[in-house]
Amino acid sequence: MASTNSRNRTTTAPPGWTFLTNHSHVLICLARDPEQRLRDVADKVGITERAVQKIVHELEEAKVLTRQRIGRRNAYKIHLSRRLRHPVERNARIEDLLEIALE
């Protein structure tokens, strides 16, 4: 079932809860294509571009990713050795999450 966010973008995200957070979804999108526009990430995740910008900023502050300027675009480098933040999952690294998500 398709849902629509506040900018009338259609996503294929199912209604209700998911196992991963929007932070994880943004990270997975950037792992798949580090040079994609945040507008495109927002479309894929089903949230606003502003929400994606906030998430990217938080991920940068946590040193999970680094923004690199390439011409007029940004590219994102993910630091795979960083540990996940929640105490339940602290034994896992970003690399472990992405390995499962990108299969």
N, C-alpha and C. Protein backbone atom coordinates (compact mmCIF):
# COMPACT_ATOMS: atom_id res chain seq x y z
N MET A 1 0.84 -1.17 0.00
CA MET A 1 0.00 0.00 0.00
C MET A 1 0.88 1.24 0.00
N ALA A 2 0.65 2.17 -0.84
CA ALA A 2 1.45 3.38 -0.94
C ALA A 2 0.94 4.43 0.03
N SER A 3 1.88 5.21 0.58
CA SER A 3 1.49 6.33 1.43
C SER A 3 2.09 7.60 0.86
N THR A 4 1.56 8.74 1.27
CA THR A 4 2.03 10.01 0.74
C THR A 4 2.47 10.88 1.90
N ASN A 5 3.66 11.50 1.80
CA ASN A 5 4.09 12.41 2.85
C ASN A 5 3.60 13.81 2.55
N SER A 6 4.05 14.79 3.35
CA SER A 6 3.50 16.15 3.25
C SER A 6 3.82 16.85 1.94
N ARG A 7 4.73 16.36 1.17
CA ARG A 7 5.06 16.98 -0.11
C ARG A 7 4.45 16.23 -1.28
N ASN A 8 3.48 15.38 -1.01
CA ASN A 8 2.78 14.60 -2.03
C ASN A 8 3.69 13.66 -2.81
N ARG A 9 4.71 13.16 -2.15
CA ARG A 9 5.58 12.15 -2.77
C ARG A 9 5.01 10.79 -2.42
N THR A 10 5.00 9.91 -3.37
CA THR A 10 4.50 8.56 -3.12
C THR A 10 5.66 7.65 -2.75
N THR A 11 5.47 6.87 -1.70
CA THR A 11 6.48 5.91 -1.28
C THR A 11 5.84 4.53 -1.25
N THR A 12 6.67 3.52 -1.15
CA THR A 12 6.15 2.16 -1.05
C THR A 12 6.28 1.64 0.37
N ALA A 13 6.54 2.53 1.34
CA ALA A 13 6.66 2.12 2.73
C ALA A 13 5.32 1.62 3.24
N PRO A 14 5.32 0.49 3.93
CA PRO A 14 4.06 -0.03 4.48
C PRO A 14 3.60 0.84 5.64
N PRO A 15 2.31 0.89 5.88
CA PRO A 15 1.82 1.66 7.02
C PRO A 15 2.21 1.00 8.34
N GLY A 16 2.24 1.79 9.40
CA GLY A 16 2.55 1.22 10.71
C GLY A 16 4.04 1.23 10.99
N TRP A 17 4.46 0.37 11.86
CA TRP A 17 5.84 0.35 12.33
C TRP A 17 6.75 -0.44 11.40
N THR A 18 8.05 -0.20 11.51
CA THR A 18 9.07 -0.98 10.80
C THR A 18 10.15 -1.36 11.81
N PHE A 19 11.01 -2.28 11.44
CA PHE A 19 12.07 -2.72 12.35
C PHE A 19 13.18 -1.68 12.49
N LEU A 20 13.41 -0.88 11.47
CA LEU A 20 14.49 0.09 11.49
C LEU A 20 13.94 1.51 11.59
N THR A 21 14.76 2.42 12.10
CA THR A 21 14.37 3.82 12.25
C THR A 21 14.62 4.58 10.95
N ASN A 22 14.13 5.81 10.90
CA ASN A 22 14.42 6.67 9.76
C ASN A 22 15.91 6.94 9.64
N HIS A 23 16.62 7.00 10.77
CA HIS A 23 18.07 7.18 10.72
C HIS A 23 18.72 6.02 9.96
N SER A 24 18.27 4.81 10.26
CA SER A 24 18.80 3.64 9.55
C SER A 24 18.44 3.69 8.08
N HIS A 25 17.22 4.07 7.77
CA HIS A 25 16.78 4.13 6.37
C HIS A 25 17.61 5.14 5.59
N VAL A 26 17.88 6.31 6.18
CA VAL A 26 18.70 7.32 5.51
C VAL A 26 20.11 6.78 5.29
N LEU A 27 20.66 6.15 6.31
CA LEU A 27 22.02 5.59 6.20
C LEU A 27 22.10 4.53 5.11
N ILE A 28 21.10 3.68 5.03
CA ILE A 28 21.07 2.64 4.00
C ILE A 28 21.00 3.27 2.61
N CYS A 29 20.17 4.28 2.44
CA CYS A 29 20.08 4.96 1.15
C CYS A 29 21.42 5.56 0.75
N LEU A 30 22.09 6.20 1.70
CA LEU A 30 23.38 6.82 1.39
C LEU A 30 24.47 5.77 1.15
N ALA A 31 24.34 4.62 1.77
CA ALA A 31 25.29 3.53 1.50
C ALA A 31 25.11 3.01 0.08
N ARG A 32 23.89 2.95 -0.39
CA ARG A 32 23.61 2.48 -1.75
C ARG A 32 24.10 3.47 -2.80
N ASP A 33 23.97 4.76 -2.51
CA ASP A 33 24.38 5.80 -3.46
C ASP A 33 24.85 7.02 -2.67
N PRO A 34 26.15 7.11 -2.37
CA PRO A 34 26.67 8.19 -1.52
C PRO A 34 26.54 9.59 -2.13
N GLU A 35 26.26 9.68 -3.42
CA GLU A 35 26.18 10.99 -4.06
C GLU A 35 24.75 11.41 -4.40
N GLN A 36 23.76 10.66 -3.93
CA GLN A 36 22.39 11.04 -4.27
C GLN A 36 21.95 12.27 -3.48
N ARG A 37 21.00 12.98 -4.06
CA ARG A 37 20.47 14.19 -3.42
C ARG A 37 19.62 13.80 -2.22
N LEU A 38 19.63 14.64 -1.21
CA LEU A 38 18.83 14.37 -0.02
C LEU A 38 17.34 14.38 -0.36
N ARG A 39 16.95 15.12 -1.37
CA ARG A 39 15.57 15.10 -1.84
C ARG A 39 15.18 13.70 -2.29
N ASP A 40 16.10 13.01 -2.97
CA ASP A 40 15.83 11.65 -3.43
C ASP A 40 15.78 10.68 -2.25
N VAL A 41 16.65 10.89 -1.26
CA VAL A 41 16.61 10.07 -0.04
C VAL A 41 15.25 10.24 0.64
N ALA A 42 14.79 11.47 0.74
CA ALA A 42 13.49 11.75 1.36
C ALA A 42 12.37 11.00 0.65
N ASP A 43 12.41 11.01 -0.68
CA ASP A 43 11.39 10.28 -1.45
C ASP A 43 11.40 8.79 -1.12
N LYS A 44 12.60 8.22 -1.03
CA LYS A 44 12.73 6.78 -0.79
C LYS A 44 12.30 6.40 0.63
N VAL A 45 12.66 7.23 1.61
CA VAL A 45 12.35 6.94 3.00
C VAL A 45 10.90 7.27 3.34
N GLY A 46 10.35 8.26 2.63
CA GLY A 46 8.97 8.66 2.88
C GLY A 46 8.84 9.73 3.95
N ILE A 47 9.88 10.55 4.07
CA ILE A 47 9.87 11.67 5.01
C ILE A 47 10.24 12.94 4.25
N THR A 48 10.16 14.08 4.90
CA THR A 48 10.47 15.34 4.23
C THR A 48 11.98 15.50 4.04
N GLU A 49 12.33 16.33 3.09
CA GLU A 49 13.74 16.63 2.86
C GLU A 49 14.36 17.27 4.09
N ARG A 50 13.60 18.11 4.77
CA ARG A 50 14.10 18.76 5.99
C ARG A 50 14.40 17.73 7.07
N ALA A 51 13.57 16.71 7.19
CA ALA A 51 13.81 15.64 8.17
C ALA A 51 15.09 14.88 7.82
N VAL A 52 15.32 14.64 6.53
CA VAL A 52 16.55 13.96 6.11
C VAL A 52 17.76 14.83 6.43
N GLN A 53 17.66 16.13 6.19
CA GLN A 53 18.77 17.03 6.51
C GLN A 53 19.11 16.97 8.00
N LYS A 54 18.08 16.94 8.83
CA LYS A 54 18.30 16.86 10.28
C LYS A 54 18.97 15.53 10.65
N ILE A 55 18.51 14.44 10.07
CA ILE A 55 19.09 13.13 10.34
C ILE A 55 20.55 13.10 9.90
N VAL A 56 20.84 13.61 8.71
CA VAL A 56 22.23 13.64 8.22
C VAL A 56 23.09 14.46 9.17
N HIS A 57 22.59 15.58 9.63
CA HIS A 57 23.33 16.42 10.59
C HIS A 57 23.62 15.63 11.87
N GLU A 58 22.62 14.91 12.39
CA GLU A 58 22.80 14.11 13.60
C GLU A 58 23.81 12.98 13.37
N LEU A 59 23.76 12.36 12.20
CA LEU A 59 24.72 11.30 11.89
C LEU A 59 26.14 11.85 11.76
N GLU A 60 26.26 13.07 11.23
CA GLU A 60 27.57 13.72 11.17
C GLU A 60 28.08 14.03 12.58
N GLU A 61 27.21 14.57 13.43
CA GLU A 61 27.61 14.88 14.80
C GLU A 61 28.05 13.63 15.56
N ALA A 62 27.42 12.50 15.28
CA ALA A 62 27.77 11.23 15.92
C ALA A 62 28.98 10.57 15.26
N LYS A 63 29.52 11.22 14.25
CA LYS A 63 30.69 10.72 13.51
C LYS A 63 30.42 9.39 12.81
N VAL A 64 29.16 9.20 12.41
CA VAL A 64 28.77 8.02 11.64
C VAL A 64 29.05 8.24 10.17
N LEU A 65 28.92 9.48 9.72
CA LEU A 65 29.23 9.79 8.33
C LEU A 65 29.88 11.16 8.24
N THR A 66 30.53 11.37 7.11
CA THR A 66 31.19 12.63 6.80
C THR A 66 30.70 13.10 5.44
N ARG A 67 30.37 14.38 5.37
CA ARG A 67 29.93 14.98 4.11
C ARG A 67 31.16 15.49 3.37
N GLN A 68 31.26 15.17 2.09
CA GLN A 68 32.36 15.65 1.24
C GLN A 68 31.76 16.42 0.07
N ARG A 69 32.29 17.59 -0.18
CA ARG A 69 31.80 18.40 -1.29
C ARG A 69 32.52 17.98 -2.57
N ILE A 70 31.76 17.65 -3.61
CA ILE A 70 32.31 17.29 -4.92
C ILE A 70 31.63 18.18 -5.94
N GLY A 71 32.33 19.23 -6.35
CA GLY A 71 31.72 20.20 -7.26
C GLY A 71 30.56 20.87 -6.56
N ARG A 72 29.39 20.80 -7.18
CA ARG A 72 28.18 21.41 -6.60
C ARG A 72 27.36 20.42 -5.79
N ARG A 73 27.83 19.20 -5.67
CA ARG A 73 27.08 18.14 -4.98
C ARG A 73 27.81 17.70 -3.72
N ASN A 74 27.12 16.97 -2.89
CA ASN A 74 27.71 16.36 -1.71
C ASN A 74 27.82 14.86 -1.92
N ALA A 75 28.82 14.29 -1.30
CA ALA A 75 28.95 12.83 -1.24
C ALA A 75 29.14 12.50 0.24
N TYR A 76 28.69 11.34 0.65
CA TYR A 76 28.72 10.97 2.05
C TYR A 76 29.56 9.72 2.24
N LYS A 77 30.50 9.81 3.16
CA LYS A 77 31.36 8.68 3.51
C LYS A 77 30.87 8.13 4.84
N ILE A 78 30.53 6.86 4.87
CA ILE A 78 30.03 6.22 6.08
C ILE A 78 31.20 5.55 6.80
N HIS A 79 31.29 5.78 8.09
CA HIS A 79 32.35 5.21 8.91
C HIS A 79 31.87 3.87 9.47
N LEU A 80 32.22 2.83 8.76
CA LEU A 80 31.68 1.50 9.01
C LEU A 80 32.05 0.90 10.36
N SER A 81 33.15 1.33 10.95
CA SER A 81 33.60 0.73 12.20
C SER A 81 32.90 1.32 13.44
N ARG A 82 32.11 2.38 13.25
CA ARG A 82 31.40 2.98 14.38
C ARG A 82 30.39 1.98 14.94
N ARG A 83 30.21 1.99 16.23
CA ARG A 83 29.26 1.10 16.90
C ARG A 83 27.86 1.71 16.87
N LEU A 84 26.86 0.86 16.87
CA LEU A 84 25.48 1.33 17.00
C LEU A 84 25.30 1.93 18.39
N ARG A 85 24.35 2.82 18.55
CA ARG A 85 24.25 3.65 19.75
C ARG A 85 23.48 3.04 20.91
N HIS A 86 22.45 2.30 20.65
CA HIS A 86 21.60 1.79 21.74
C HIS A 86 22.33 0.70 22.52
N PRO A 87 22.19 0.65 23.84
CA PRO A 87 22.87 -0.37 24.64
C PRO A 87 22.58 -1.81 24.20
N VAL A 88 21.39 -2.07 23.69
CA VAL A 88 21.04 -3.42 23.27
C VAL A 88 21.86 -3.86 22.05
N GLU A 89 22.25 -2.90 21.20
CA GLU A 89 22.93 -3.25 19.96
C GLU A 89 24.36 -2.73 19.88
N ARG A 90 24.90 -2.28 20.99
CA ARG A 90 26.26 -1.70 21.00
C ARG A 90 27.35 -2.65 20.54
N ASN A 91 27.10 -3.93 20.59
CA ASN A 91 28.11 -4.88 20.13
C ASN A 91 28.19 -4.95 18.61
N ALA A 92 27.26 -4.32 17.91
CA ALA A 92 27.25 -4.33 16.44
C ALA A 92 27.80 -3.01 15.90
N ARG A 93 28.36 -3.10 14.71
CA ARG A 93 28.92 -1.92 14.04
C ARG A 93 27.99 -1.50 12.90
N ILE A 94 28.20 -0.29 12.41
CA ILE A 94 27.45 0.21 11.26
C ILE A 94 27.61 -0.77 10.10
N GLU A 95 28.81 -1.29 9.94
CA GLU A 95 29.07 -2.25 8.86
C GLU A 95 28.15 -3.46 8.96
N ASP A 96 27.90 -3.95 10.18
CA ASP A 96 27.01 -5.11 10.37
C ASP A 96 25.59 -4.79 9.94
N LEU A 97 25.11 -3.61 10.31
CA LEU A 97 23.76 -3.19 9.92
C LEU A 97 23.64 -3.12 8.41
N LEU A 98 24.61 -2.48 7.77
CA LEU A 98 24.54 -2.29 6.32
C LEU A 98 24.71 -3.62 5.59
N GLU A 99 25.50 -4.52 6.13
CA GLU A 99 25.67 -5.83 5.49
C GLU A 99 24.33 -6.55 5.40
N ILE A 100 23.55 -6.49 6.45
CA ILE A 100 22.23 -7.13 6.45
C ILE A 100 21.29 -6.39 5.52
N ALA A 101 21.29 -5.07 5.59
CA ALA A 101 20.33 -4.25 4.83
C ALA A 101 20.60 -4.23 3.34
N LEU A 102 21.85 -4.39 2.95
CA LEU A 102 22.21 -4.27 1.54
C LEU A 102 22.27 -5.62 0.82
N GLU A 103 21.93 -6.69 1.50
CA GLU A 103 21.94 -8.01 0.84
C GLU A 103 20.86 -8.11 -0.19
